[in-house]
Amino acid sequence: ARATMQPQEEALLIQVNTNLAMAYD
């Protein structure tokens, strides 16, 4: 989530933050 990503990697960032939210919960 902290890494610098390219615009085409937006789907990956969405997936990572979704799973991260579940882990935090």
PDB file of all heavy atoms in Angstrom:
ATOM      1  N   ALA A   1       0.819  -1.216   0.000  1.00  0.00           N
ATOM      2  CA  ALA A   1       0.000   0.000   0.000  1.00  0.00           C
ATOM      3  C   ALA A   1       0.851   1.264   0.000  1.00  0.00           C
ATOM      4  O   ALA A   1       0.451   2.288  -0.550  1.00  0.00           O
ATOM      5  CB  ALA A   1      -0.931  -0.009   1.208  1.00  0.00           C
ATOM      6  N   ARG A   2       2.031   1.193   0.617  1.00  0.00           N
ATOM      7  CA  ARG A   2       2.909   2.368   0.676  1.00  0.00           C
ATOM      8  C   ARG A   2       3.748   2.538  -0.581  1.00  0.00           C
ATOM      9  O   ARG A   2       4.346   3.599  -0.794  1.00  0.00           O
ATOM     10  CB  ARG A   2       3.833   2.263   1.897  1.00  0.00           C
ATOM     11  CG  ARG A   2       3.137   2.494   3.231  1.00  0.00           C
ATOM     12  CD  ARG A   2       4.163   2.722   4.327  1.00  0.00           C
ATOM     13  NE  ARG A   2       5.008   1.549   4.520  1.00  0.00           N
ATOM     14  CZ  ARG A   2       4.776   0.608   5.439  1.00  0.00           C
ATOM     15  NH1 ARG A   2       3.722   0.711   6.234  1.00  0.00           N
ATOM     16  NH2 ARG A   2       5.590  -0.420   5.568  1.00  0.00           N
ATOM     17  N   ALA A   3       3.841   1.514  -1.394  1.00  0.00           N
ATOM     18  CA  ALA A   3       4.709   1.556  -2.579  1.00  0.00           C
ATOM     19  C   ALA A   3       4.152   2.506  -3.642  1.00  0.00           C
ATOM     20  O   ALA A   3       2.951   2.758  -3.722  1.00  0.00           O
ATOM     21  CB  ALA A   3       4.856   0.157  -3.170  1.00  0.00           C
ATOM     22  N   THR A   4       5.051   3.024  -4.458  1.00  0.00           N
ATOM     23  CA  THR A   4       4.648   3.883  -5.577  1.00  0.00           C
ATOM     24  C   THR A   4       4.186   2.996  -6.716  1.00  0.00           C
ATOM     25  O   THR A   4       4.918   2.106  -7.157  1.00  0.00           O
ATOM     26  CB  THR A   4       5.828   4.751  -6.046  1.00  0.00           C
ATOM     27  OG1 THR A   4       6.274   5.544  -4.943  1.00  0.00           O
ATOM     28  CG2 THR A   4       5.400   5.660  -7.190  1.00  0.00           C
ATOM     29  N   MET A   5       2.960   3.242  -7.184  1.00  0.00           N
ATOM     30  CA  MET A   5       2.401   2.405  -8.246  1.00  0.00           C
ATOM     31  C   MET A   5       2.084   3.232  -9.475  1.00  0.00           C
ATOM     32  O   MET A   5       1.862   4.444  -9.393  1.00  0.00           O
ATOM     33  CB  MET A   5       1.120   1.703  -7.764  1.00  0.00           C
ATOM     34  CG  MET A   5       1.347   0.683  -6.671  1.00  0.00           C
ATOM     35  SD  MET A   5      -0.102  -0.377  -6.442  1.00  0.00           S
ATOM     36  CE  MET A   5       0.378  -1.290  -4.985  1.00  0.00           C
ATOM     37  N   GLN A   6       2.038   2.550 -10.611  1.00  0.00           N
ATOM     38  CA  GLN A   6       1.661   3.180 -11.864  1.00  0.00           C
ATOM     39  C   GLN A   6       0.140   3.247 -11.974  1.00  0.00           C
ATOM     40  O   GLN A   6      -0.574   2.473 -11.322  1.00  0.00           O
ATOM     41  CB  GLN A   6       2.231   2.378 -13.042  1.00  0.00           C
ATOM     42  CG  GLN A   6       3.740   2.264 -13.039  1.00  0.00           C
ATOM     43  CD  GLN A   6       4.431   3.615 -13.086  1.00  0.00           C
ATOM     44  OE1 GLN A   6       4.037   4.501 -13.851  1.00  0.00           O
ATOM     45  NE2 GLN A   6       5.448   3.797 -12.247  1.00  0.00           N
ATOM     46  N   PRO A   7      -0.395   4.176 -12.790  1.00  0.00           N
ATOM     47  CA  PRO A   7      -1.865   4.286 -12.934  1.00  0.00           C
ATOM     48  C   PRO A   7      -2.526   2.974 -13.327  1.00  0.00           C
ATOM     49  O   PRO A   7      -3.634   2.688 -12.884  1.00  0.00           O
ATOM     50  CB  PRO A   7      -2.015   5.344 -14.042  1.00  0.00           C
ATOM     51  CG  PRO A   7      -0.770   6.169 -13.953  1.00  0.00           C
ATOM     52  CD  PRO A   7       0.311   5.226 -13.550  1.00  0.00           C
ATOM     53  N   GLN A   8      -1.834   2.164 -14.147  1.00  0.00           N
ATOM     54  CA  GLN A   8      -2.427   0.897 -14.584  1.00  0.00           C
ATOM     55  C   GLN A   8      -2.487  -0.145 -13.463  1.00  0.00           C
ATOM     56  O   GLN A   8      -3.086  -1.203 -13.626  1.00  0.00           O
ATOM     57  CB  GLN A   8      -1.662   0.321 -15.789  1.00  0.00           C
ATOM     58  CG  GLN A   8      -0.214  -0.023 -15.530  1.00  0.00           C
ATOM     59  CD  GLN A   8       0.725   1.131 -15.833  1.00  0.00           C
ATOM     60  OE1 GLN A   8       0.324   2.291 -15.807  1.00  0.00           O
ATOM     61  NE2 GLN A   8       1.959   0.819 -16.167  1.00  0.00           N
ATOM     62  N   GLU A   9      -1.858   0.163 -12.318  1.00  0.00           N
ATOM     63  CA  GLU A   9      -1.882  -0.761 -11.188  1.00  0.00           C
ATOM     64  C   GLU A   9      -2.954  -0.386 -10.158  1.00  0.00           C
ATOM     65  O   GLU A   9      -2.933  -0.864  -9.036  1.00  0.00           O
ATOM     66  CB  GLU A   9      -0.508  -0.786 -10.514  1.00  0.00           C
ATOM     67  CG  GLU A   9       0.591  -1.367 -11.397  1.00  0.00           C
ATOM     68  CD  GLU A   9       1.952  -1.336 -10.717  1.00  0.00           C
ATOM     69  OE1 GLU A   9       2.409  -0.235 -10.361  1.00  0.00           O
ATOM     70  OE2 GLU A   9       2.544  -2.424 -10.543  1.00  0.00           O
ATOM     71  N   GLU A  10      -3.908   0.439 -10.561  1.00  0.00           N
ATOM     72  CA  GLU A  10      -4.957   0.891  -9.640  1.00  0.00           C
ATOM     73  C   GLU A  10      -5.770  -0.276  -9.088  1.00  0.00           C
ATOM     74  O   GLU A  10      -6.125  -0.305  -7.906  1.00  0.00           O
ATOM     75  CB  GLU A  10      -5.881   1.884 -10.346  1.00  0.00           C
ATOM     76  CG  GLU A  10      -6.900   2.530  -9.439  1.00  0.00           C
ATOM     77  CD  GLU A  10      -7.712   3.584 -10.149  1.00  0.00           C
ATOM     78  OE1 GLU A  10      -7.230   4.733 -10.284  1.00  0.00           O
ATOM     79  OE2 GLU A  10      -8.832   3.256 -10.588  1.00  0.00           O
ATOM     80  N   ALA A  11      -6.071  -1.262  -9.953  1.00  0.00           N
ATOM     81  CA  ALA A  11      -6.858  -2.424  -9.509  1.00  0.00           C
ATOM     82  C   ALA A  11      -6.125  -3.169  -8.392  1.00  0.00           C
ATOM     83  O   ALA A  11      -6.753  -3.650  -7.434  1.00  0.00           O
ATOM     84  CB  ALA A  11      -7.126  -3.356 -10.689  1.00  0.00           C
ATOM     85  N   LEU A  12      -4.805  -3.265  -8.510  1.00  0.00           N
ATOM     86  CA  LEU A  12      -4.010  -3.930  -7.470  1.00  0.00           C
ATOM     87  C   LEU A  12      -4.098  -3.154  -6.163  1.00  0.00           C
ATOM     88  O   LEU A  12      -4.259  -3.747  -5.082  1.00  0.00           O
ATOM     89  CB  LEU A  12      -2.552  -4.044  -7.927  1.00  0.00           C
ATOM     90  CG  LEU A  12      -1.578  -4.672  -6.920  1.00  0.00           C
ATOM     91  CD1 LEU A  12      -1.960  -6.108  -6.639  1.00  0.00           C
ATOM     92  CD2 LEU A  12      -0.136  -4.578  -7.446  1.00  0.00           C
ATOM     93  N   LEU A  13      -4.030  -1.833  -6.246  1.00  0.00           N
ATOM     94  CA  LEU A  13      -4.105  -0.991  -5.055  1.00  0.00           C
ATOM     95  C   LEU A  13      -5.474  -1.132  -4.375  1.00  0.00           C
ATOM     96  O   LEU A  13      -5.560  -1.155  -3.143  1.00  0.00           O
ATOM     97  CB  LEU A  13      -3.843   0.468  -5.432  1.00  0.00           C
ATOM     98  CG  LEU A  13      -3.602   1.449  -4.287  1.00  0.00           C
ATOM     99  CD1 LEU A  13      -2.432   1.008  -3.423  1.00  0.00           C
ATOM    100  CD2 LEU A  13      -3.354   2.855  -4.843  1.00  0.00           C
ATOM    101  N   ILE A  14      -6.522  -1.239  -5.162  1.00  0.00           N
ATOM    102  CA  ILE A  14      -7.870  -1.436  -4.614  1.00  0.00           C
ATOM    103  C   ILE A  14      -7.942  -2.761  -3.862  1.00  0.00           C
ATOM    104  O   ILE A  14      -8.438  -2.837  -2.742  1.00  0.00           O
ATOM    105  CB  ILE A  14      -8.916  -1.393  -5.740  1.00  0.00           C
ATOM    106  CG1 ILE A  14      -9.044   0.031  -6.291  1.00  0.00           C
ATOM    107  CG2 ILE A  14     -10.269  -1.904  -5.264  1.00  0.00           C
ATOM    108  CD1 ILE A  14      -9.848   0.130  -7.567  1.00  0.00           C
ATOM    109  N   GLN A  15      -7.412  -3.806  -4.491  1.00  0.00           N
ATOM    110  CA  GLN A  15      -7.419  -5.145  -3.876  1.00  0.00           C
ATOM    111  C   GLN A  15      -6.628  -5.142  -2.567  1.00  0.00           C
ATOM    112  O   GLN A  15      -7.084  -5.691  -1.547  1.00  0.00           O
ATOM    113  CB  GLN A  15      -6.813  -6.148  -4.849  1.00  0.00           C
ATOM    114  CG  GLN A  15      -6.607  -7.544  -4.282  1.00  0.00           C
ATOM    115  CD  GLN A  15      -5.687  -8.385  -5.163  1.00  0.00           C
ATOM    116  OE1 GLN A  15      -5.560  -8.146  -6.360  1.00  0.00           O
ATOM    117  NE2 GLN A  15      -5.023  -9.354  -4.555  1.00  0.00           N
ATOM    118  N   VAL A  16      -5.467  -4.514  -2.578  1.00  0.00           N
ATOM    119  CA  VAL A  16      -4.599  -4.489  -1.393  1.00  0.00           C
ATOM    120  C   VAL A  16      -5.274  -3.754  -0.242  1.00  0.00           C
ATOM    121  O   VAL A  16      -5.295  -4.233   0.899  1.00  0.00           O
ATOM    122  CB  VAL A  16      -3.244  -3.828  -1.742  1.00  0.00           C
ATOM    123  CG1 VAL A  16      -2.471  -3.473  -0.474  1.00  0.00           C
ATOM    124  CG2 VAL A  16      -2.415  -4.758  -2.620  1.00  0.00           C
ATOM    125  N   ASN A  17      -5.868  -2.592  -0.530  1.00  0.00           N
ATOM    126  CA  ASN A  17      -6.497  -1.824   0.538  1.00  0.00           C
ATOM    127  C   ASN A  17      -7.752  -2.515   1.075  1.00  0.00           C
ATOM    128  O   ASN A  17      -8.070  -2.399   2.260  1.00  0.00           O
ATOM    129  CB  ASN A  17      -6.834  -0.421   0.045  1.00  0.00           C
ATOM    130  CG  ASN A  17      -5.646   0.522   0.139  1.00  0.00           C
ATOM    131  OD1 ASN A  17      -5.228   0.902   1.227  1.00  0.00           O
ATOM    132  ND2 ASN A  17      -5.085   0.883  -1.005  1.00  0.00           N
ATOM    133  N   THR A  18      -8.460  -3.232   0.214  1.00  0.00           N
ATOM    134  CA  THR A  18      -9.628  -3.992   0.680  1.00  0.00           C
ATOM    135  C   THR A  18      -9.197  -5.067   1.673  1.00  0.00           C
ATOM    136  O   THR A  18      -9.777  -5.206   2.762  1.00  0.00           O
ATOM    137  CB  THR A  18     -10.356  -4.638  -0.507  1.00  0.00           C
ATOM    138  OG1 THR A  18     -10.783  -3.619  -1.426  1.00  0.00           O
ATOM    139  CG2 THR A  18     -11.577  -5.412  -0.040  1.00  0.00           C
ATOM    140  N   ASN A  19      -8.183  -5.837   1.298  1.00  0.00           N
ATOM    141  CA  ASN A  19      -7.698  -6.885   2.201  1.00  0.00           C
ATOM    142  C   ASN A  19      -7.076  -6.301   3.468  1.00  0.00           C
ATOM    143  O   ASN A  19      -7.205  -6.872   4.561  1.00  0.00           O
ATOM    144  CB  ASN A  19      -6.696  -7.780   1.471  1.00  0.00           C
ATOM    145  CG  ASN A  19      -7.350  -8.653   0.420  1.00  0.00           C
ATOM    146  OD1 ASN A  19      -8.525  -8.988   0.527  1.00  0.00           O
ATOM    147  ND2 ASN A  19      -6.613  -9.016  -0.606  1.00  0.00           N
ATOM    148  N   LEU A  20      -6.418  -5.155   3.309  1.00  0.00           N
ATOM    149  CA  LEU A  20      -5.811  -4.502   4.469  1.00  0.00           C
ATOM    150  C   LEU A  20      -6.896  -4.041   5.450  1.00  0.00           C
ATOM    151  O   LEU A  20      -6.744  -4.179   6.671  1.00  0.00           O
ATOM    152  CB  LEU A  20      -4.971  -3.310   4.001  1.00  0.00           C
ATOM    153  CG  LEU A  20      -4.064  -2.624   5.024  1.00  0.00           C
ATOM    154  CD1 LEU A  20      -3.132  -3.626   5.679  1.00  0.00           C
ATOM    155  CD2 LEU A  20      -3.275  -1.503   4.353  1.00  0.00           C
ATOM    156  N   ALA A  21      -7.988  -3.513   4.909  1.00  0.00           N
ATOM    157  CA  ALA A  21      -9.103  -3.086   5.764  1.00  0.00           C
ATOM    158  C   ALA A  21      -9.673  -4.267   6.544  1.00  0.00           C
ATOM    159  O   ALA A  21      -9.989  -4.151   7.743  1.00  0.00           O
ATOM    160  CB  ALA A  21     -10.202  -2.442   4.907  1.00  0.00           C
ATOM    161  N   MET A  22      -9.786  -5.420   5.884  1.00  0.00           N
ATOM    162  CA  MET A  22     -10.297  -6.617   6.565  1.00  0.00           C
ATOM    163  C   MET A  22      -9.327  -7.073   7.652  1.00  0.00           C
ATOM    164  O   MET A  22      -9.750  -7.462   8.748  1.00  0.00           O
ATOM    165  CB  MET A  22     -10.494  -7.744   5.548  1.00  0.00           C
ATOM    166  CG  MET A  22     -11.598  -7.509   4.539  1.00  0.00           C
ATOM    167  SD  MET A  22     -11.726  -8.918   3.397  1.00  0.00           S
ATOM    168  CE  MET A  22     -12.904  -8.279   2.206  1.00  0.00           C
ATOM    169  N   ALA A  23      -8.040  -7.012   7.360  1.00  0.00           N
ATOM    170  CA  ALA A  23      -7.037  -7.429   8.350  1.00  0.00           C
ATOM    171  C   ALA A  23      -7.091  -6.517   9.576  1.00  0.00           C
ATOM    172  O   ALA A  23      -7.080  -6.989  10.724  1.00  0.00           O
ATOM    173  CB  ALA A  23      -5.645  -7.405   7.716  1.00  0.00           C
ATOM    174  N   TYR A  24      -7.161  -5.211   9.344  1.00  0.00           N
ATOM    175  CA  TYR A  24      -7.251  -4.264  10.460  1.00  0.00           C
ATOM    176  C   TYR A  24      -8.504  -4.519  11.296  1.00  0.00           C
ATOM    177  O   TYR A  24      -8.479  -4.434  12.519  1.00  0.00           O
ATOM    178  CB  TYR A  24      -7.284  -2.830   9.929  1.00  0.00           C
ATOM    179  CG  TYR A  24      -5.952  -2.300   9.436  1.00  0.00           C
ATOM    180  CD1 TYR A  24      -5.899  -1.434   8.337  1.00  0.00           C
ATOM    181  CD2 TYR A  24      -4.758  -2.621  10.071  1.00  0.00           C
ATOM    182  CE1 TYR A  24      -4.694  -0.914   7.890  1.00  0.00           C
ATOM    183  CE2 TYR A  24      -3.545  -2.119   9.625  1.00  0.00           C
ATOM    184  CZ  TYR A  24      -3.521  -1.265   8.533  1.00  0.00           C
ATOM    185  OH  TYR A  24      -2.327  -0.762   8.085  1.00  0.00           O
ATOM    186  N   ASP A  25      -9.602  -4.812  10.629  1.00  0.00           N
ATOM    187  CA  ASP A  25     -10.859  -5.075  11.337  1.00  0.00           C
ATOM    188  C   ASP A  25     -10.707  -6.282  12.260  1.00  0.00           C
ATOM    189  O   ASP A  25     -11.119  -6.248  13.429  1.00  0.00           O
ATOM    190  CB  ASP A  25     -11.976  -5.305  10.315  1.00  0.00           C
ATOM    191  CG  ASP A  25     -13.356  -5.357  10.956  1.00  0.00           C
ATOM    192  OD1 ASP A  25     -13.485  -4.981  12.137  1.00  0.00           O
ATOM    193  OD2 ASP A  25     -14.311  -5.765  10.269  1.00  0.00           O
TER     194      ASP A  25
END
